Amino acid sequence: MTYTNRHAEKTFAILSEMFGAVLVTGARQVGKSTMLEHLTEGIPLLSFDDAAVISSATDAPGLFFEYNKPPVFLDEIQKAPDLFPQMKLILDRSKKKGQFFLSGSQQFEMMENVSESLSGRIGIINLLGISMREENGDVFDEPFTPTPSYFSARTETRVHKAPDKVWARIWRGSMPELLLNPKFDWSKFYGAYLRTYIERDVRQIIQATDLMKFQTFMSAAAARTGGLLNLSDMAKDVGISQPTAQSWLSVLLATNIVYLLRPYHTNLTKRAVKTPKMFFLDTGLAAYLTKWTTPDVLAGGAMSGEFFETFVVSEILKSYYNTGELDLPLYFYRDKEKNEIDLLIIKDGIAHPLEIKKTTAPNSGDISSFKLLDKLEGVRRGHGGVICFSDKLLPISGTDTSIPISYL
């Protein structure tokens, strides 16, 4: 398979010069190992998918790096937790940068080990699937912000795609192997992906007797992508307790299957909803779990609005994660009267409101909720708009714009 350049490569180079270790986390098969192999060519690679390598790291962690001297690339590092203290000792002694390059699923124990042993010594990249920019070979890598300066910089390299092409992309998802091999069968790929994820990742965390119910829980979550998180309803649908649903949600979060978008609220916004919205990070997997079998069926289906919003949010997330940001400036706003702003990007004290709609011609009615910001104390309203299927960047009203999806 031809290698696709990832925008996180630039961040990797920066972090390698700042820290003794760099960790690339993310869901299964998003390209973590492929990117690191490409970037660490010539550096020894040790994969903890190899039982002999795991045995060596477990039985004699103190000697492991005597025989495998850094710099070294350690793949699937979550399987070798005993090595984290050893890496700390080596980095504290040598003070060298770029000694350990790590990849792994973002599971509970691994991140605890990172926090305990390598805090201040490690840079972290959260890698998602291939973005539209990366798929198009686009070098533009600024985080999305709906400002005139951003639009001016983005115009030159953006690639416009017709709505049917976008829906094909939403349905197929962003997994590199599937996206870059058009002949691969979508259903077979995600069926195998789901089995591998549950057997290898989930089985380590929850009881084996619950694995079938966990898959049902994933389907229930996919059916709610783009909506307010309602664990009570999900628990009822699956036939589990709410504490179990909370625990299983934490598994989906830790393994980068879903993302919770924070609600914007302060002590002054007493009428604001404080429940997060839940989004699947790969729309192809969500479509497979909810049984949308073709792009056309998905585009015309009852969940098309939620899937379009999910796709837009995931693309914006990629634009931030690829620059190394982990605490993202992304929120939504909703009040108890169900007035809602789909997405708020809050930077430098300015709130940029965004609606996400599968229309080609947004109008002033689509941004009527933006006036909610004018009533919030301490909030400065900035440029905003409607992210949609329009083919041109056009003014709607004041500082609000019709934003083609190609500008993401």
Protein backbone atom coordinates (compact mmCIF):
# COMPACT_ATOMS: atom_id res chain seq x y z
CA MET A 1 0.00 0.00 0.00
CA THR A 2 1.35 3.43 -0.95
CA TYR A 3 2.24 5.55 2.06
CA THR A 4 0.03 8.59 2.62
CA ASN A 5 1.75 11.52 4.30
CA ARG A 6 0.11 12.47 7.57
CA HIS A 7 -0.12 16.02 8.88
CA ALA A 8 0.94 14.80 12.33
CA GLU A 9 4.43 14.15 10.92
CA LYS A 10 5.40 17.79 11.46
CA THR A 11 4.22 17.59 15.07
CA PHE A 12 6.19 14.38 15.54
CA ALA A 13 9.39 16.11 14.39
CA ILE A 14 8.82 18.99 16.82
CA LEU A 15 8.05 16.70 19.78
CA SER A 16 11.07 14.51 19.03
CA GLU A 17 13.32 17.51 19.62
CA MET A 18 11.46 18.58 22.78
CA PHE A 19 11.01 15.28 24.65
CA GLY A 20 12.87 12.08 25.39
CA ALA A 21 9.85 10.02 24.30
CA VAL A 22 7.01 10.48 21.80
CA LEU A 23 3.80 8.48 22.02
CA VAL A 24 1.33 8.14 19.14
CA THR A 25 -2.04 6.92 20.40
CA GLY A 26 -5.26 6.22 18.57
CA ALA A 27 -7.81 3.60 17.64
CA ARG A 28 -6.84 0.32 16.03
CA GLN A 29 -5.75 0.60 12.35
CA VAL A 30 -5.69 4.40 12.05
CA GLY A 31 -2.07 4.27 10.89
CA LYS A 32 -0.04 4.76 14.10
CA SER A 33 2.55 2.09 13.40
CA THR A 34 2.73 2.88 9.68
CA MET A 35 3.47 6.53 10.33
CA LEU A 36 6.08 5.77 12.99
CA GLU A 37 7.80 3.15 10.83
CA HIS A 38 8.04 5.74 8.07
CA LEU A 39 9.41 8.41 10.42
CA THR A 40 11.84 6.20 12.34
CA GLU A 41 13.40 4.40 9.39
CA GLY A 42 16.77 3.04 10.45
CA ILE A 43 15.80 2.84 14.14
CA PRO A 44 15.22 -0.65 15.62
CA LEU A 45 11.55 -1.67 15.80
CA LEU A 46 10.25 -3.98 18.53
CA SER A 47 6.62 -5.04 18.36
CA PHE A 48 4.83 -6.28 21.45
CA ASP A 49 2.54 -8.31 19.22
CA ASP A 50 5.51 -10.72 19.34
CA ALA A 51 5.14 -13.06 22.35
CA ALA A 52 8.92 -13.45 22.72
CA VAL A 53 9.38 -9.67 22.93
CA ILE A 54 6.62 -9.38 25.54
CA SER A 55 8.18 -12.20 27.57
CA SER A 56 11.56 -10.46 27.56
CA ALA A 57 10.05 -7.15 28.66
CA THR A 58 8.00 -8.82 31.41
CA ASP A 59 10.60 -11.22 32.80
CA ALA A 60 13.61 -8.90 32.73
CA PRO A 61 12.53 -5.28 32.28
CA GLY A 62 15.73 -4.02 33.89
CA LEU A 63 17.83 -5.69 31.21
CA PHE A 64 15.55 -5.06 28.25
CA PHE A 65 17.20 -1.82 27.17
CA GLU A 66 20.68 -3.22 27.73
CA TYR A 67 20.02 -5.43 24.72
CA ASN A 68 17.77 -2.95 22.90
CA LYS A 69 19.54 0.34 23.31
CA PRO A 70 17.67 3.54 22.46
CA PRO A 71 16.76 5.18 20.22
CA VAL A 72 14.14 2.50 19.62
CA PHE A 73 10.56 2.24 18.30
CA LEU A 74 8.28 0.23 20.62
CA ASP A 75 5.02 -0.81 18.94
CA GLU A 76 1.90 -1.65 21.02
CA ILE A 77 3.63 -0.40 24.18
CA GLN A 78 0.49 -0.87 26.30
CA LYS A 79 1.36 -4.58 26.41
CA ALA A 80 4.67 -3.93 28.22
CA PRO A 81 3.83 -1.72 31.24
CA ASP A 82 6.97 -2.78 33.14
CA LEU A 83 9.13 -0.84 30.70
CA PHE A 84 7.80 2.61 31.62
CA PRO A 85 9.88 2.95 34.83
CA GLN A 86 12.95 1.77 32.91
CA MET A 87 12.42 4.44 30.26
CA LYS A 88 12.13 7.05 33.03
CA LEU A 89 15.46 5.97 34.52
CA ILE A 90 17.22 6.12 31.16
CA LEU A 91 15.81 9.53 30.26
CA ASP A 92 16.59 11.02 33.67
CA ARG A 93 20.15 9.75 33.41
CA SER A 94 20.92 10.66 29.80
CA LYS A 95 18.79 13.82 29.36
CA LYS A 96 18.70 13.00 25.64
CA LYS A 97 15.76 13.80 23.35
CA GLY A 98 14.14 11.45 20.88
CA GLN A 99 15.11 8.18 22.55
CA PHE A 100 11.80 6.27 22.69
CA PHE A 101 9.13 6.27 20.00
CA LEU A 102 5.97 4.56 21.18
CA SER A 103 2.65 3.57 19.67
CA GLY A 104 -0.36 2.15 21.44
CA SER A 105 -4.09 2.18 21.92
CA GLN A 106 -5.10 4.77 24.48
CA GLN A 107 -6.11 2.36 27.21
CA PHE A 108 -6.45 3.11 30.90
CA GLU A 109 -3.31 1.38 32.21
CA MET A 110 -1.05 2.72 29.48
CA MET A 111 -2.04 6.33 30.06
CA GLU A 112 -1.69 5.87 33.83
CA ASN A 113 1.86 4.56 33.26
CA VAL A 114 2.62 7.52 30.99
CA SER A 115 1.37 9.94 33.65
CA GLU A 116 3.23 8.26 36.50
CA SER A 117 6.57 7.47 34.83
CA LEU A 118 7.00 9.82 31.87
CA SER A 119 5.21 13.01 32.86
CA GLY A 120 7.21 15.95 31.51
CA ARG A 121 9.36 13.58 29.48
CA ILE A 122 6.92 12.60 26.73
CA GLY A 123 5.06 14.30 23.89
CA ILE A 124 1.73 12.81 22.82
CA ILE A 125 -0.03 12.74 19.45
CA ASN A 126 -3.61 11.50 19.23
CA LEU A 127 -3.94 10.15 15.69
CA LEU A 128 -7.33 9.69 14.04
CA GLY A 129 -8.11 8.26 10.60
CA ILE A 130 -7.06 9.90 7.36
CA SER A 131 -8.48 13.39 6.94
CA MET A 132 -9.88 14.79 3.71
CA ARG A 133 -6.81 17.03 3.52
CA GLU A 134 -4.46 14.05 3.78
CA GLU A 135 -6.49 12.02 1.28
CA ASN A 136 -6.19 14.87 -1.24
CA GLY A 137 -2.46 15.33 -0.64
CA ASP A 138 -3.18 18.81 0.69
CA VAL A 139 -0.25 20.42 2.54
CA PHE A 140 -2.50 22.89 4.39
CA ASP A 141 -2.37 21.95 8.09
CA GLU A 142 -3.81 24.82 10.15
CA PRO A 143 -6.53 23.99 12.71
CA PHE A 144 -9.96 24.99 11.42
CA THR A 145 -11.22 28.40 12.58
CA PRO A 146 -13.95 30.30 10.66
CA THR A 147 -12.03 33.58 10.31
CA PRO A 148 -11.19 35.64 7.22
CA SER A 149 -7.47 34.94 7.65
CA TYR A 150 -8.10 31.19 7.78
CA PHE A 151 -10.37 31.26 4.71
CA SER A 152 -7.81 33.30 2.79
CA ALA A 153 -5.07 30.78 3.54
CA ARG A 154 -7.32 27.78 2.88
CA THR A 155 -8.70 28.87 -0.48
CA GLU A 156 -5.59 28.09 -2.50
CA THR A 157 -5.32 24.34 -1.81
CA ARG A 158 -8.88 23.23 -1.01
CA VAL A 159 -10.45 20.51 -3.19
CA HIS A 160 -14.18 20.78 -3.82
CA LYS A 161 -16.16 17.52 -3.90
CA ALA A 162 -19.75 17.05 -4.98
CA PRO A 163 -22.19 15.95 -2.25
CA ASP A 164 -22.38 12.37 -3.57
CA LYS A 165 -18.58 12.07 -3.27
CA VAL A 166 -18.71 13.39 0.28
CA TRP A 167 -21.42 10.89 1.22
CA ALA A 168 -19.32 8.10 -0.26
CA ARG A 169 -16.46 9.24 1.98
CA ILE A 170 -18.71 9.49 5.05
CA TRP A 171 -20.03 5.97 4.45
CA ARG A 172 -16.65 4.38 3.71
CA GLY A 173 -14.97 5.97 6.72
CA SER A 174 -11.38 7.08 7.30
CA MET A 175 -9.45 3.89 8.06
CA PRO A 176 -6.32 4.08 5.87
CA GLU A 177 -6.35 0.51 4.59
CA LEU A 178 -10.00 0.67 3.54
CA LEU A 179 -9.86 4.22 2.20
CA LEU A 180 -6.76 3.66 0.10
CA ASN A 181 -7.93 0.34 -1.35
CA PRO A 182 -11.21 1.05 -3.19
CA LYS A 183 -11.67 -2.64 -4.07
CA PHE A 184 -11.75 -3.74 -0.42
CA ASP A 185 -15.20 -4.89 0.65
CA TRP A 186 -16.62 -2.39 3.17
CA SER A 187 -18.77 -4.87 5.10
CA LYS A 188 -16.06 -7.52 5.39
CA PHE A 189 -13.50 -4.93 6.49
CA TYR A 190 -15.60 -3.48 9.31
CA GLY A 191 -16.85 -6.92 10.35
CA ALA A 192 -13.26 -8.06 10.79
CA TYR A 193 -12.31 -4.75 12.43
CA LEU A 194 -15.09 -5.08 15.00
CA ARG A 195 -14.20 -8.69 15.83
CA THR A 196 -10.52 -7.83 16.25
CA TYR A 197 -11.28 -4.77 18.39
CA ILE A 198 -13.56 -6.72 20.72
CA GLU A 199 -11.37 -9.83 20.93
CA ARG A 200 -8.03 -8.04 21.41
CA ASP A 201 -8.84 -4.71 23.05
CA VAL A 202 -12.16 -5.05 24.84
CA ARG A 203 -11.60 -8.60 26.14
CA GLN A 204 -8.67 -7.29 28.19
CA ILE A 205 -10.95 -4.83 29.98
CA ILE A 206 -14.39 -6.41 30.45
CA GLN A 207 -15.60 -9.93 31.22
CA ALA A 208 -15.74 -12.31 28.26
CA THR A 209 -19.38 -13.16 29.02
CA ASP A 210 -20.33 -9.55 28.26
CA LEU A 211 -18.67 -9.27 24.84
CA MET A 212 -21.85 -9.81 22.81
CA LYS A 213 -23.71 -7.23 24.87
CA PHE A 214 -20.78 -4.86 24.46
CA GLN A 215 -21.17 -5.06 20.68
CA THR A 216 -24.87 -4.27 21.11
CA PHE A 217 -23.83 -1.32 23.29
CA MET A 218 -21.56 -0.09 20.50
CA SER A 219 -24.48 -0.26 18.07
CA ALA A 220 -26.65 1.69 20.51
CA ALA A 221 -23.92 4.33 20.75
CA ALA A 222 -23.56 4.52 16.96
CA ALA A 223 -27.32 5.03 16.65
CA ARG A 224 -26.93 8.10 18.87
CA THR A 225 -23.89 9.70 17.23
CA GLY A 226 -24.30 13.46 17.06
CA GLY A 227 -26.81 13.51 19.90
CA LEU A 228 -26.79 14.32 23.60
CA LEU A 229 -25.34 11.51 25.68
CA ASN A 230 -28.12 9.53 27.37
CA LEU A 231 -26.62 6.61 29.25
CA SER A 232 -29.94 5.71 30.87
CA ASP A 233 -31.60 5.09 27.49
CA MET A 234 -28.56 3.20 26.18
CA ALA A 235 -28.50 0.98 29.27
CA LYS A 236 -32.20 0.15 28.82
CA ASP A 237 -31.74 -0.68 25.13
CA VAL A 238 -28.90 -3.09 25.88
CA GLY A 239 -30.28 -4.54 29.12
CA ILE A 240 -27.45 -3.46 31.40
CA SER A 241 -27.18 -1.25 34.46
CA GLN A 242 -26.35 2.43 34.12
CA PRO A 243 -23.03 2.00 35.99
CA THR A 244 -22.10 -0.72 33.48
CA ALA A 245 -23.05 1.59 30.63
CA GLN A 246 -20.82 4.28 32.14
CA SER A 247 -17.96 1.80 32.42
CA TRP A 248 -18.38 0.61 28.83
CA LEU A 249 -18.56 4.18 27.55
CA SER A 250 -15.20 4.80 29.22
CA VAL A 251 -13.82 1.86 27.18
CA LEU A 252 -15.04 3.45 23.93
CA LEU A 253 -13.49 6.75 24.99
CA ALA A 254 -10.17 5.23 26.04
CA THR A 255 -9.81 3.32 22.78
CA ASN A 256 -10.69 6.36 20.64
CA ILE A 257 -13.93 4.97 19.23
CA VAL A 258 -16.06 7.89 20.43
CA TYR A 259 -15.52 11.51 21.45
CA LEU A 260 -17.54 13.58 23.89
CA LEU A 261 -18.01 17.20 22.85
CA ARG A 262 -18.21 19.39 25.94
CA PRO A 263 -21.16 21.71 26.51
CA TYR A 264 -20.25 25.34 26.99
CA HIS A 265 -21.45 26.65 30.32
CA THR A 266 -20.29 28.92 33.13
CA ASN A 267 -21.67 29.97 36.49
CA LEU A 268 -23.55 32.68 34.57
CA THR A 269 -25.16 30.34 32.02
CA LYS A 270 -27.70 28.78 34.36
CA ARG A 271 -30.03 27.70 31.56
CA ALA A 272 -27.31 25.87 29.63
CA VAL A 273 -27.46 22.10 29.26
CA LYS A 274 -24.46 20.44 30.91
CA THR A 275 -24.69 17.06 29.15
CA PRO A 276 -22.04 16.35 26.45
CA LYS A 277 -22.74 15.28 22.88
CA MET A 278 -21.33 11.96 21.68
CA PHE A 279 -19.67 11.45 18.30
CA PHE A 280 -18.17 8.36 16.66
CA LEU A 281 -14.68 9.18 15.39
CA ASP A 282 -15.03 6.98 12.30
CA THR A 283 -18.28 7.38 10.38
CA GLY A 284 -17.69 4.16 8.43
CA LEU A 285 -17.70 2.10 11.61
CA ALA A 286 -20.81 3.93 12.83
CA ALA A 287 -22.55 3.23 9.49
CA TYR A 288 -21.62 -0.46 9.72
CA LEU A 289 -22.95 -0.74 13.27
CA THR A 290 -26.23 0.97 12.34
CA LYS A 291 -26.60 -1.05 9.11
CA TRP A 292 -26.54 1.71 6.48
CA THR A 293 -25.37 -0.47 3.60
CA THR A 294 -24.66 2.09 0.83
CA PRO A 295 -23.77 5.79 0.61
CA ASP A 296 -27.11 6.56 -1.08
CA VAL A 297 -29.13 4.84 1.63
CA LEU A 298 -27.18 6.73 4.29
CA ALA A 299 -27.57 10.09 2.52
CA GLY A 300 -31.33 9.65 2.26
CA GLY A 301 -31.83 8.03 5.64
CA ALA A 302 -33.24 9.28 8.92
CA MET A 303 -29.74 9.72 10.40
CA SER A 304 -28.17 11.62 7.52
CA GLY A 305 -28.05 14.90 9.46
CA GLU A 306 -26.36 13.26 12.45
CA PHE A 307 -23.83 11.49 10.22
CA PHE A 308 -22.99 14.69 8.36
CA GLU A 309 -22.47 16.49 11.67
CA THR A 310 -20.37 13.59 12.97
CA PHE A 311 -18.16 13.70 9.89
CA VAL A 312 -17.64 17.47 10.11
CA VAL A 313 -16.78 17.31 13.81
CA SER A 314 -14.31 14.46 13.23
CA GLU A 315 -12.57 16.41 10.43
CA ILE A 316 -12.25 19.46 12.65
CA LEU A 317 -10.90 17.28 15.47
CA LYS A 318 -8.24 15.92 13.11
CA SER A 319 -7.14 19.44 12.18
CA TYR A 320 -6.41 20.13 15.87
CA TYR A 321 -5.07 16.73 16.96
CA ASN A 322 -2.60 16.67 14.06
CA THR A 323 -0.96 19.84 15.41
CA GLY A 324 -0.42 18.15 18.79
CA GLU A 325 -3.29 19.84 20.64
CA LEU A 326 -4.91 17.58 23.22
CA ASP A 327 -7.16 19.97 25.18
CA LEU A 328 -9.27 21.19 22.30
CA PRO A 329 -11.13 24.54 22.22
CA LEU A 330 -14.32 22.86 20.95
CA TYR A 331 -17.75 23.03 22.58
CA PHE A 332 -21.44 23.22 21.75
CA TYR A 333 -24.18 25.30 23.36
CA ARG A 334 -27.72 24.23 24.16
CA ASP A 335 -30.23 25.71 26.58
CA LYS A 336 -33.18 24.15 28.36
CA GLU A 337 -35.53 25.45 25.65
CA LYS A 338 -33.54 23.27 23.16
CA ASN A 339 -32.01 26.25 21.36
CA GLU A 340 -28.64 24.99 20.16
CA ILE A 341 -25.41 26.01 18.46
CA ASP A 342 -23.86 22.88 16.94
CA LEU A 343 -20.25 23.85 17.52
CA LEU A 344 -18.37 26.62 19.32
CA ILE A 345 -14.68 27.19 18.72
CA ILE A 346 -13.43 29.38 21.57
CA LYS A 347 -9.99 30.86 21.00
CA ASP A 348 -8.38 33.90 22.61
CA GLY A 349 -11.61 34.68 24.45
CA ILE A 350 -13.67 34.78 21.24
CA ALA A 351 -16.50 32.33 20.53
CA HIS A 352 -16.93 31.31 16.89
CA PRO A 353 -20.42 29.79 16.38
CA LEU A 354 -21.04 27.13 13.73
CA GLU A 355 -24.06 25.29 12.42
CA ILE A 356 -23.61 22.05 10.47
CA LYS A 357 -26.29 21.40 7.86
CA LYS A 358 -26.55 19.15 4.79
CA THR A 359 -27.82 21.99 2.61
CA THR A 360 -26.36 23.72 -0.44
CA ALA A 361 -27.95 27.10 0.29
CA PRO A 362 -27.98 28.13 3.97
CA ASN A 363 -29.87 31.27 4.96
CA SER A 364 -30.19 33.65 7.90
CA GLY A 365 -32.68 31.34 9.60
CA ASP A 366 -29.96 28.71 9.93
CA ILE A 367 -27.91 31.02 12.13
CA SER A 368 -30.75 32.40 14.26
CA SER A 369 -29.41 30.54 17.30
CA PHE A 370 -26.17 32.55 17.18
CA LYS A 371 -27.94 35.42 18.93
CA LEU A 372 -27.86 33.28 22.09
CA LEU A 373 -24.22 34.27 22.47
CA ASP A 374 -25.13 37.93 22.66
CA LYS A 375 -27.01 37.23 25.89
CA LEU A 376 -24.10 35.50 27.62
CA GLU A 377 -21.97 37.66 29.88
CA GLY A 378 -18.23 37.44 29.32
CA VAL A 379 -18.59 36.01 25.79
CA ARG A 380 -17.27 37.87 22.73
CA ARG A 381 -18.88 36.64 19.55
CA GLY A 382 -16.58 36.21 16.56
CA HIS A 383 -16.87 35.07 12.97
CA GLY A 384 -19.08 32.04 12.41
CA GLY A 385 -21.15 30.35 9.77
CA VAL A 386 -22.84 27.25 8.40
CA ILE A 387 -20.68 24.31 7.30
CA CYS A 388 -22.58 22.77 4.40
CA PHE A 389 -22.54 21.46 0.81
CA SER A 390 -22.27 24.92 -0.75
CA ASP A 391 -19.55 25.18 -3.39
CA LYS A 392 -18.64 28.80 -2.59
CA LEU A 393 -17.71 30.83 0.46
CA LEU A 394 -20.57 33.33 0.65
CA PRO A 395 -21.77 35.85 3.25
CA ILE A 396 -25.02 35.11 5.07
CA SER A 397 -25.30 37.96 7.54
CA GLY A 398 -22.77 40.21 9.25
CA THR A 399 -19.71 38.15 10.12
CA ASP A 400 -21.39 34.81 9.38
CA THR A 401 -20.63 32.85 6.24
CA SER A 402 -21.75 29.86 4.17
CA ILE A 403 -18.75 27.53 4.55
CA PRO A 404 -18.21 24.72 2.01
CA ILE A 405 -17.10 21.46 3.59
CA SER A 406 -13.97 21.67 1.44
CA TYR A 407 -12.74 24.49 3.69
CA LEU A 408 -12.26 22.09 6.63
